[in-house]
Protein backbone atom coordinates (compact mmCIF):
# COMPACT_ATOMS: atom_id res chain seq x y z
CA MET A 1 44.77 -37.50 -1.70
CA LYS A 2 41.04 -36.88 -1.70
CA LYS A 3 39.87 -33.71 -3.39
CA ILE A 4 37.20 -31.70 -1.63
CA PRO A 5 35.32 -29.40 -3.99
CA MET A 6 34.73 -25.77 -3.10
CA THR A 7 31.23 -24.84 -1.99
CA GLN A 8 29.49 -21.76 -3.35
CA GLU A 9 30.34 -20.05 -0.06
CA ASP A 10 34.02 -20.93 -0.58
CA ARG A 11 33.91 -19.51 -4.10
CA ASP A 12 32.24 -16.30 -2.96
CA TYR A 13 34.81 -15.89 -0.19
CA PHE A 14 37.70 -16.52 -2.60
CA LYS A 15 36.25 -14.13 -5.17
CA SER A 16 35.82 -11.29 -2.67
CA GLY A 17 39.26 -11.91 -1.18
CA VAL A 18 40.99 -11.81 -4.56
CA LYS A 19 39.66 -8.30 -5.15
CA THR A 20 41.81 -7.00 -2.29
CA LEU A 21 45.11 -8.39 -3.60
CA CYS A 22 47.91 -6.21 -4.90
CA GLY A 23 49.96 -7.24 -7.93
CA ILE A 24 52.59 -9.20 -6.05
CA GLU A 25 49.96 -11.05 -4.02
CA VAL A 26 48.13 -12.05 -7.22
CA ILE A 27 51.35 -13.55 -8.58
CA GLN A 28 52.07 -15.35 -5.31
CA ALA A 29 48.54 -16.77 -5.08
CA LYS A 30 48.66 -17.96 -8.69
CA ASN A 31 52.03 -19.63 -8.07
CA ILE A 32 50.75 -21.34 -4.93
CA ILE A 33 47.56 -22.79 -6.40
CA ASN A 34 49.39 -23.93 -9.54
CA ASP A 35 52.28 -25.57 -7.70
CA PRO A 36 52.36 -29.20 -8.91
CA GLU A 37 52.48 -30.56 -5.36
CA LEU A 38 49.64 -28.36 -4.12
CA LYS A 39 47.27 -28.31 -7.05
CA VAL A 40 46.45 -31.97 -6.54
CA VAL A 41 44.11 -30.95 -3.71
CA PHE A 42 41.90 -28.87 -6.03
CA THR A 43 39.34 -30.16 -8.49
CA SER A 44 39.95 -29.04 -12.06
CA GLU A 45 36.78 -26.91 -11.93
CA ASP A 46 37.94 -25.18 -8.74
CA LEU A 47 41.42 -24.64 -10.15
CA ASP A 48 39.93 -23.12 -13.31
CA PHE A 49 37.70 -20.87 -11.19
CA MET A 50 40.57 -19.68 -9.00
CA ASN A 51 42.82 -19.02 -12.00
CA LYS A 52 40.02 -17.11 -13.73
CA GLU A 53 39.44 -14.89 -10.70
CA LEU A 54 43.16 -14.29 -10.23
CA GLY A 55 43.43 -13.44 -13.93
CA ARG A 56 40.66 -10.88 -13.60
CA GLN A 57 42.40 -9.25 -10.67
CA ALA A 58 45.71 -9.28 -12.53
CA GLY A 59 44.01 -7.41 -15.37
CA ALA A 60 42.55 -4.87 -12.96
CA VAL A 61 45.93 -4.36 -11.27
CA PHE A 62 47.62 -3.94 -14.64
CA ALA A 63 45.04 -1.35 -15.72
CA ARG A 64 45.56 0.63 -12.49
CA ILE A 65 49.33 0.51 -12.96
CA LEU A 66 49.02 1.76 -16.54
CA ARG A 67 46.71 4.61 -15.48
CA ALA A 68 49.18 5.65 -12.78
CA ILE A 69 52.14 5.53 -15.16
CA LYS A 70 50.21 7.51 -17.77
CA LYS A 71 49.73 10.22 -15.12
CA MET A 72 53.44 9.94 -14.23
CA ASP A 73 52.40 8.89 -10.72
CA PHE A 74 55.07 6.30 -10.08
CA LYS A 75 54.40 6.13 -6.34
CA GLU A 76 50.81 5.09 -7.08
CA ALA A 77 52.01 2.52 -9.62
CA GLN A 78 54.35 1.07 -7.01
CA ARG A 79 51.57 1.07 -4.39
CA VAL A 80 49.24 -0.83 -6.73
CA LEU A 81 51.95 -3.36 -7.47
CA THR A 82 53.25 -3.87 -3.95
CA GLY A 83 50.26 -2.97 -1.80
CA GLY A 84 50.10 -0.44 0.97
CA LYS A 85 47.79 2.37 1.90
CA ASN A 86 50.04 5.41 1.55
CA LYS A 87 50.19 7.32 -1.70
């Protein structure tokens, strides 16, 4: 299978999209792009880039969850993890 590298526009789009993901979506996206059957379509540079961006978002999600738990705001922690607009 031929690999088609991501353009800068693709990378920018991916990077901005990742910032909107909740915790579960980050895990799902990471599992999808690292699936042995699917990761053959990505160049190693693109795969590294996507994993780096997903890792950054995972760190941000984790920090928000910890802040919510520290405040004993378990509904907010759940919202950060699972998504949703309601607090």
